[in-house]
Amino acid sequence: MTSVNSNEIEMSDLLQLAVDEEASDLHLTVDSPPVMRIHGALQALDSNLLRPEDTERLMKSITSPEHQQRLREFGGSDFGFGFGTAARFRVSIFKAKGNIGIVLRLIPSRFLNLDDIGLPPQVKELLFRPRGLILVTGPTGSGKSTTLASMVNVINIERDAHIITIEDPIEYYHTHKKSLIMQREVGVDVPSFKEALKRALRQDPDVILVGEMRDLETMEAAITAAETGHLVFATLHTTGAARTVDRIVDAFPADQQEQIRTQLSVGIVAVISQLLLPRQDRPGRIAAFEVMISTPSIQALIRDNKTYRITSDIQTGAKYGMMTLDAHLMSLYDAGLIQYEDLITKAQDPSAIVQHLEEIAKTRK
C-alpha cells in the first residue's frame, strides 16, 4: 500500500489516493493510519498513526462551520462534497472516545447502465410506469444508491418527467436532460424526509426518490404518493422481498396493518434486493440481486398476509424478470465470478445450495 507521511498529510492527497486506488471508503481515526476499503477489504496506508490534532485538522479542511457546529452539539454530522471534477464524497464526521473520526464514501463519477449493474432487462420497463412504489433494499454499502441513481438517470434521459429526489446527503448530482430534476438535501434544503415528501406532492412531480424510509411517517407518505399517481423510489435496509414487505407492515400500529397490506399489495411495483460481493475472476466487486416484480398472485399474497410464499412466486416468475437471490448467487458461482464461501454465507437457504451442488456433483461422476 502507498506510503504517506502523516506529519505532512493533506486531505487532498488522501482523496486523490482514494480515487486512484478505486477505494470505496476512506477511514480516518485516531491511533490508526489512514485506512481505505478497496474491493471490499480494508487496507491500511503505510503511515504513522493519526493523532487527535491530525483528524481535527483534516476534518476542518473539508467541513463547513455549520457541520462543525453539529459535530460539537450532536457528536456527528453527514454531508456530501465535490473533490474538484475527480469525484464526489459522502462524509460522516463523528466523535469516538472524545476524538474526531471521519469516514468518506467515494461516489462514482459516472452513472452505470442497468446492464452494467446486472439487472434483468424487464426492470427498465418498470421505470416507465405512471405510478407505484419501487423499493431497492440491502445492507449498508451494498450499492443501493448507485442502483437508484442509475434508474433515475434512465428516466432523466428517456422520459419527459418532473423528478424530485430527497436525499441525506445528495450523492450523485444529476443535470436536467429530457426530464426536469430537482434534488433536495435533508438538513440543507428541507428539515426532514417527511416534510420534503409532503411538499413534493404540491410541486407537480411525476417521479419521487426518497433516499431512505427511516420512520413511520416517511413510509406512510411514500405509500400514499405511490397511490396517488406518482412513481416513487425508496430504500430500506432489508434483504429479500418478503422481509421488506413485513418490515414495512410491522412498522405500523396493529390496527393499521391490514390497511397497509392492502395499500402495499396495490402500490408495490417491484422490490430489488442487492448485495455486493468480491469478484473471483478479477479485482472488484459484483452485485447479486433478488428481483420481485408485482403480479396478481403476489398482490394477493401481500394482501392476505402470506408473504412467506412470495419466494415461491419469484422462483417461477423468470418470464417477468424475477429471480431469487440464491438463484442469482448460483449463476454467479457457476460462471466463476464469486467464491464458494461467499455463495454459502450470503445465500438465504445455504443448505439447499449445498444439496443442489452435491446433486450436480453426483450427476457428473
Protein backbone atom coordinates (compact mmCIF):
# COMPACT_ATOMS: atom_id res chain seq x y z
CA MET A 1 0.00 0.00 0.00
CA THR A 2 1.14 3.53 -0.73
CA SER A 3 3.30 5.21 1.89
CA VAL A 4 2.34 8.65 3.22
CA ASN A 5 3.97 10.91 5.81
CA SER A 6 1.33 11.68 8.45
CA ASN A 7 3.24 14.77 9.58
CA GLU A 8 2.63 16.38 6.19
CA ILE A 9 -0.54 14.57 5.15
CA GLU A 10 -3.22 16.66 3.47
CA MET A 11 -6.83 15.72 2.83
CA SER A 12 -6.43 16.41 -0.89
CA ASP A 13 -3.62 13.81 -1.09
CA LEU A 14 -5.76 11.20 0.67
CA LEU A 15 -8.77 11.91 -1.54
CA GLN A 16 -6.67 11.67 -4.69
CA LEU A 17 -5.21 8.38 -3.45
CA ALA A 18 -8.70 7.03 -2.80
CA VAL A 19 -9.70 7.95 -6.37
CA ASP A 20 -6.51 6.46 -7.85
CA GLU A 21 -6.85 3.20 -5.88
CA GLU A 22 -10.60 2.96 -6.67
CA ALA A 23 -11.36 2.76 -2.96
CA SER A 24 -15.00 2.73 -1.87
CA ASP A 25 -14.28 4.27 1.54
CA LEU A 26 -11.58 6.16 3.42
CA HIS A 27 -11.38 5.89 7.23
CA LEU A 28 -9.52 8.45 9.34
CA THR A 29 -9.41 7.73 13.05
CA VAL A 30 -7.06 8.46 15.94
CA ASP A 31 -4.37 5.87 16.78
CA SER A 32 -4.63 4.27 13.33
CA PRO A 33 -3.05 5.07 9.99
CA PRO A 34 -5.47 6.13 7.24
CA VAL A 35 -7.39 3.05 6.04
CA MET A 36 -9.05 2.51 2.67
CA ARG A 37 -11.62 -0.12 1.73
CA ILE A 38 -10.64 -1.50 -1.68
CA HIS A 39 -12.80 -4.16 -3.35
CA GLY A 40 -14.44 -4.84 0.00
CA ALA A 41 -11.22 -5.31 2.04
CA LEU A 42 -9.71 -2.81 4.49
CA GLN A 43 -6.14 -1.80 3.69
CA ALA A 44 -4.06 0.47 5.94
CA LEU A 45 -1.69 3.01 4.41
CA ASP A 46 2.00 2.77 5.25
CA SER A 47 1.91 5.78 7.54
CA ASN A 48 2.33 6.92 11.12
CA LEU A 49 -0.70 6.70 13.37
CA LEU A 50 -3.05 9.66 13.18
CA ARG A 51 -3.08 11.89 16.25
CA PRO A 52 -6.12 13.82 17.59
CA GLU A 53 -4.77 17.04 16.08
CA ASP A 54 -4.39 15.29 12.69
CA THR A 55 -8.01 14.16 12.43
CA GLU A 56 -9.27 17.54 13.67
CA ARG A 57 -7.18 19.38 11.07
CA LEU A 58 -8.27 17.03 8.29
CA MET A 59 -11.92 17.36 9.31
CA LYS A 60 -11.80 21.15 9.34
CA SER A 61 -10.24 21.21 5.86
CA ILE A 62 -13.46 19.86 4.28
CA THR A 63 -16.21 20.70 6.79
CA SER A 64 -18.34 23.84 6.83
CA PRO A 65 -18.83 25.80 10.08
CA GLU A 66 -22.46 24.58 10.19
CA HIS A 67 -21.45 20.91 10.17
CA GLN A 68 -18.64 21.58 12.68
CA GLN A 69 -21.29 23.08 14.96
CA ARG A 70 -23.44 19.94 14.57
CA LEU A 71 -20.42 17.83 15.44
CA ARG A 72 -19.96 19.83 18.66
CA GLU A 73 -23.66 19.75 19.56
CA PHE A 74 -24.74 16.29 18.46
CA GLY A 75 -21.49 14.32 18.18
CA GLY A 76 -21.66 13.88 14.41
CA SER A 77 -22.86 15.12 11.04
CA ASP A 78 -23.16 13.90 7.44
CA PHE A 79 -22.69 15.83 4.22
CA GLY A 80 -21.52 15.49 0.63
CA PHE A 81 -18.90 17.48 -1.24
CA GLY A 82 -17.18 17.56 -4.60
CA PHE A 83 -13.45 16.88 -4.96
CA GLY A 84 -12.90 19.13 -7.96
CA THR A 85 -14.01 17.30 -11.10
CA ALA A 86 -12.45 14.00 -9.97
CA ALA A 87 -15.18 12.67 -7.67
CA ARG A 88 -17.82 13.32 -5.04
CA PHE A 89 -17.63 12.05 -1.49
CA ARG A 90 -20.26 11.38 1.14
CA VAL A 91 -18.76 12.27 4.51
CA SER A 92 -19.61 11.23 8.05
CA ILE A 93 -17.79 13.07 10.84
CA PHE A 94 -18.19 11.87 14.42
CA LYS A 95 -16.68 11.69 17.87
CA ALA A 96 -15.35 8.49 19.43
CA LYS A 97 -13.62 8.45 22.84
CA GLY A 98 -13.68 12.23 22.66
CA ASN A 99 -11.66 12.31 19.41
CA ILE A 100 -12.78 13.13 15.89
CA GLY A 101 -13.19 10.41 13.27
CA ILE A 102 -14.05 10.70 9.58
CA VAL A 103 -15.42 8.20 7.08
CA LEU A 104 -15.60 9.25 3.43
CA ARG A 105 -17.53 7.22 0.84
CA LEU A 106 -16.38 7.69 -2.75
CA ILE A 107 -19.30 8.25 -5.10
CA PRO A 108 -18.52 7.12 -8.66
CA SER A 109 -18.40 9.98 -11.15
CA ARG A 110 -20.41 8.23 -13.86
CA PHE A 111 -23.76 6.52 -13.96
CA LEU A 112 -23.85 2.82 -14.75
CA ASN A 113 -26.46 1.49 -17.13
CA LEU A 114 -28.75 -1.24 -15.84
CA ASP A 115 -26.92 -3.91 -17.87
CA ASP A 116 -23.62 -2.94 -16.25
CA ILE A 117 -25.23 -3.28 -12.82
CA GLY A 118 -26.54 -6.73 -13.74
CA LEU A 119 -30.29 -6.14 -13.58
CA PRO A 120 -32.60 -8.06 -15.95
CA PRO A 121 -33.94 -6.04 -18.93
CA GLN A 122 -37.51 -6.21 -17.59
CA VAL A 123 -36.50 -3.83 -14.78
CA LYS A 124 -36.06 -0.99 -17.27
CA GLU A 125 -39.69 -1.37 -18.31
CA LEU A 126 -40.73 -0.57 -14.72
CA LEU A 127 -39.18 2.87 -14.99
CA PHE A 128 -41.90 3.88 -17.45
CA ARG A 129 -44.78 3.01 -15.10
CA PRO A 130 -47.02 6.00 -14.33
CA ARG A 131 -47.30 5.18 -10.63
CA GLY A 132 -46.26 2.75 -7.92
CA LEU A 133 -43.53 2.01 -5.40
CA ILE A 134 -40.14 0.56 -6.38
CA LEU A 135 -38.00 -0.43 -3.40
CA VAL A 136 -34.25 -1.00 -3.57
CA THR A 137 -33.08 -2.80 -0.44
CA GLY A 138 -29.93 -4.24 1.07
CA PRO A 139 -27.38 -3.68 3.83
CA THR A 140 -25.25 -0.56 4.11
CA GLY A 141 -22.64 -0.41 1.35
CA SER A 142 -24.50 -2.76 -0.99
CA GLY A 143 -24.77 -0.27 -3.84
CA LYS A 144 -28.38 0.84 -3.36
CA SER A 145 -27.58 4.49 -4.08
CA THR A 146 -25.76 3.55 -7.29
CA THR A 147 -28.70 1.45 -8.50
CA LEU A 148 -31.21 4.20 -7.70
CA ALA A 149 -29.08 6.90 -9.34
CA SER A 150 -28.77 4.76 -12.47
CA MET A 151 -32.54 4.24 -12.61
CA VAL A 152 -33.19 7.96 -12.19
CA ASN A 153 -30.63 8.66 -14.92
CA VAL A 154 -32.51 6.37 -17.34
CA ILE A 155 -35.74 8.26 -16.62
CA ASN A 156 -33.94 11.58 -16.95
CA ILE A 157 -32.61 10.62 -20.39
CA GLU A 158 -35.66 8.86 -21.83
CA ARG A 159 -38.77 10.31 -20.18
CA ASP A 160 -40.46 13.68 -20.15
CA ALA A 161 -40.93 13.84 -16.39
CA HIS A 162 -40.53 16.07 -13.36
CA ILE A 163 -38.25 14.20 -10.92
CA ILE A 164 -37.82 15.22 -7.28
CA THR A 165 -35.15 13.50 -5.19
CA ILE A 166 -34.98 13.75 -1.38
CA GLU A 167 -31.56 12.70 -0.10
CA ASP A 168 -29.41 12.87 3.02
CA PRO A 169 -26.95 13.89 1.75
CA ILE A 170 -27.10 14.32 -2.03
CA GLU A 171 -24.65 11.83 -3.50
CA TYR A 172 -24.95 11.69 -7.29
CA TYR A 173 -25.52 15.04 -8.99
CA HIS A 174 -28.00 14.93 -11.89
CA THR A 175 -28.42 17.57 -14.59
CA HIS A 176 -31.64 18.33 -16.47
CA LYS A 177 -31.87 16.18 -19.61
CA LYS A 178 -35.20 15.17 -21.16
CA SER A 179 -36.62 15.38 -17.65
CA LEU A 180 -36.62 18.26 -15.19
CA ILE A 181 -34.87 17.11 -11.99
CA MET A 182 -34.84 18.78 -8.58
CA GLN A 183 -32.58 17.42 -5.82
CA ARG A 184 -33.37 18.40 -2.21
CA GLU A 185 -30.97 17.69 0.63
CA VAL A 186 -32.34 16.96 4.09
CA GLY A 187 -30.84 19.38 6.60
CA VAL A 188 -29.90 21.86 3.88
CA ASP A 189 -32.94 22.41 1.65
CA VAL A 190 -35.61 20.86 3.89
CA PRO A 191 -35.66 19.77 7.55
CA SER A 192 -36.81 16.15 7.14
CA PHE A 193 -37.83 13.41 4.71
CA LYS A 194 -41.40 13.69 5.98
CA GLU A 195 -41.57 17.43 5.30
CA ALA A 196 -39.90 17.07 1.89
CA LEU A 197 -42.39 14.39 0.82
CA LYS A 198 -45.33 16.49 2.00
CA ARG A 199 -44.09 19.46 -0.03
CA ALA A 200 -43.14 17.34 -3.04
CA LEU A 201 -46.76 16.35 -3.62
CA ARG A 202 -47.55 20.05 -4.20
CA GLN A 203 -44.72 20.52 -6.71
CA ASP A 204 -46.20 18.65 -9.69
CA PRO A 205 -43.87 15.63 -9.59
CA ASP A 206 -44.04 12.57 -11.81
CA VAL A 207 -41.21 10.71 -10.08
CA ILE A 208 -40.11 10.97 -6.43
CA LEU A 209 -36.97 9.40 -4.98
CA VAL A 210 -36.83 9.02 -1.19
CA GLY A 211 -33.24 8.37 -0.12
CA GLU A 212 -34.33 6.29 2.87
CA MET A 213 -37.65 5.37 4.50
CA ARG A 214 -36.42 5.89 8.05
CA ASP A 215 -39.63 6.25 10.01
CA LEU A 216 -43.34 5.55 10.03
CA GLU A 217 -44.33 8.98 8.72
CA THR A 218 -41.96 8.74 5.74
CA MET A 219 -43.19 5.24 4.90
CA GLU A 220 -46.80 6.40 5.08
CA ALA A 221 -46.13 9.42 2.88
CA ALA A 222 -44.23 7.35 0.30
CA ILE A 223 -47.01 4.75 0.08
CA THR A 224 -49.62 7.49 -0.29
CA ALA A 225 -47.58 9.22 -3.01
CA ALA A 226 -47.34 5.95 -4.94
CA GLU A 227 -51.11 5.50 -4.62
CA THR A 228 -51.93 8.99 -5.85
CA GLY A 229 -50.32 8.80 -9.27
CA HIS A 230 -46.56 9.08 -8.74
CA LEU A 231 -43.69 6.68 -9.38
CA VAL A 232 -41.83 6.51 -6.07
CA PHE A 233 -38.37 5.05 -5.43
CA ALA A 234 -37.15 4.36 -1.90
CA THR A 235 -34.61 2.29 0.03
CA LEU A 236 -34.76 0.08 3.10
CA HIS A 237 -32.05 -1.82 5.00
CA THR A 238 -33.68 -5.20 4.45
CA THR A 239 -32.80 -8.30 2.42
CA GLY A 240 -35.42 -10.09 0.35
CA ALA A 241 -38.87 -9.09 -0.87
CA ALA A 242 -40.83 -10.91 1.85
CA ARG A 243 -38.78 -9.37 4.67
CA THR A 244 -39.13 -5.94 3.08
CA VAL A 245 -42.92 -6.14 2.99
CA ASP A 246 -43.01 -7.47 6.56
CA ARG A 247 -40.65 -4.70 7.73
CA ILE A 248 -42.96 -2.00 6.36
CA VAL A 249 -46.15 -3.57 7.71
CA ASP A 250 -44.61 -4.20 11.15
CA ALA A 251 -43.62 -0.52 11.42
CA PHE A 252 -47.31 0.42 11.64
CA PRO A 253 -49.60 0.00 14.67
CA ALA A 254 -51.52 -3.28 14.72
CA ASP A 255 -54.85 -1.61 13.92
CA GLN A 256 -53.40 -0.14 10.69
CA GLN A 257 -51.54 -3.18 9.40
CA GLU A 258 -54.39 -4.70 7.40
CA GLN A 259 -54.94 -1.39 5.61
CA ILE A 260 -51.21 -1.04 4.88
CA ARG A 261 -51.06 -4.57 3.47
CA THR A 262 -53.91 -3.66 1.14
CA GLN A 263 -52.18 -0.43 0.08
CA LEU A 264 -48.85 -2.22 -0.49
CA SER A 265 -50.49 -5.01 -2.48
CA VAL A 266 -51.74 -2.42 -4.95
CA GLY A 267 -48.85 0.04 -4.74
CA ILE A 268 -45.67 -2.03 -4.87
CA VAL A 269 -44.30 -2.37 -8.40
CA ALA A 270 -41.06 -4.15 -7.51
CA VAL A 271 -38.63 -4.96 -4.72
CA ILE A 272 -34.97 -5.22 -5.75
CA SER A 273 -32.66 -6.55 -3.03
CA GLN A 274 -28.93 -6.49 -3.58
CA LEU A 275 -25.58 -7.42 -2.09
CA LEU A 276 -22.04 -6.57 -3.20
CA LEU A 277 -19.53 -9.44 -3.26
CA PRO A 278 -15.80 -9.64 -4.04
CA ARG A 279 -15.16 -10.87 -7.57
CA GLN A 280 -13.14 -14.04 -8.00
CA ASP A 281 -12.22 -13.53 -11.66
CA ARG A 282 -10.57 -10.10 -11.27
CA PRO A 283 -10.24 -7.24 -8.75
CA GLY A 284 -13.53 -5.53 -7.97
CA ARG A 285 -16.97 -6.36 -6.68
CA ILE A 286 -20.13 -7.68 -8.29
CA ALA A 287 -23.77 -7.28 -7.32
CA ALA A 288 -26.11 -10.16 -6.54
CA PHE A 289 -29.83 -9.46 -6.78
CA GLU A 290 -33.22 -10.70 -5.81
CA VAL A 291 -35.90 -9.17 -8.03
CA MET A 292 -39.61 -9.34 -7.23
CA ILE A 293 -41.99 -7.79 -9.73
CA SER A 294 -45.60 -7.44 -8.68
CA THR A 295 -48.13 -9.83 -10.22
CA PRO A 296 -51.80 -10.51 -9.29
CA SER A 297 -50.60 -13.58 -7.37
CA ILE A 298 -48.00 -11.62 -5.37
CA GLN A 299 -50.54 -8.85 -4.72
CA ALA A 300 -52.85 -11.44 -3.20
CA LEU A 301 -50.06 -12.87 -1.03
CA ILE A 302 -49.24 -9.41 0.35
CA ARG A 303 -52.91 -8.58 0.94
CA ASP A 304 -53.61 -11.92 2.66
CA ASN A 305 -50.51 -11.77 4.90
CA LYS A 306 -48.86 -14.75 3.20
CA THR A 307 -45.52 -13.13 2.41
CA TYR A 308 -43.72 -16.39 3.29
CA ARG A 309 -44.94 -17.69 -0.09
CA ILE A 310 -43.50 -14.79 -2.13
CA THR A 311 -40.18 -16.57 -2.69
CA SER A 312 -42.02 -19.43 -4.40
CA ASP A 313 -43.67 -16.97 -6.80
CA ILE A 314 -40.30 -15.36 -7.52
CA GLN A 315 -38.83 -18.78 -8.35
CA THR A 316 -41.49 -19.33 -11.03
CA GLY A 317 -41.54 -15.74 -12.29
CA ALA A 318 -38.48 -15.71 -14.54
CA LYS A 319 -40.56 -14.65 -17.56
CA TYR A 320 -41.41 -11.42 -15.70
CA GLY A 321 -37.72 -10.77 -14.92
CA MET A 322 -37.88 -12.17 -11.40
CA MET A 323 -35.08 -14.10 -9.72
CA THR A 324 -34.29 -15.21 -6.21
CA LEU A 325 -31.08 -14.16 -4.52
CA ASP A 326 -29.95 -17.78 -4.21
CA ALA A 327 -30.55 -18.46 -7.91
CA HIS A 328 -28.54 -15.39 -8.86
CA LEU A 329 -25.75 -16.32 -6.46
CA MET A 330 -25.63 -19.79 -8.05
CA SER A 331 -25.40 -18.32 -11.54
CA LEU A 332 -22.52 -16.06 -10.44
CA TYR A 333 -20.76 -19.03 -8.82
CA ASP A 334 -21.27 -21.26 -11.89
CA ALA A 335 -19.76 -18.51 -14.04
CA GLY A 336 -16.68 -18.39 -11.79
CA LEU A 337 -17.40 -14.83 -10.65
CA ILE A 338 -17.70 -15.41 -6.88
CA GLN A 339 -16.13 -17.80 -4.38
CA TYR A 340 -17.82 -20.76 -2.74
CA GLU A 341 -17.55 -19.14 0.70
CA ASP A 342 -19.50 -16.08 -0.46
CA LEU A 343 -22.10 -18.27 -2.16
CA ILE A 344 -22.80 -20.13 1.08
CA THR A 345 -22.56 -17.26 3.56
CA LYS A 346 -24.78 -14.91 1.54
CA ALA A 347 -27.42 -17.45 0.45
CA GLN A 348 -30.81 -17.26 2.15
CA ASP A 349 -31.07 -21.07 2.18
CA PRO A 350 -27.47 -22.34 2.27
CA SER A 351 -28.46 -25.95 2.98
CA ALA A 352 -30.48 -26.05 -0.25
CA ILE A 353 -27.48 -24.64 -2.13
CA VAL A 354 -25.18 -27.31 -0.69
CA GLN A 355 -27.68 -30.05 -1.57
CA HIS A 356 -28.02 -28.69 -5.10
CA LEU A 357 -24.24 -28.67 -5.59
CA GLU A 358 -23.98 -32.23 -4.24
CA GLU A 359 -26.62 -33.42 -6.69
CA ILE A 360 -24.76 -31.75 -9.56
CA ALA A 361 -21.52 -33.42 -8.45
CA LYS A 362 -23.21 -36.84 -8.41
CA THR A 363 -24.56 -36.45 -11.95
CA ARG A 364 -21.09 -35.56 -13.21
CA LYS A 365 -19.49 -38.72 -11.80
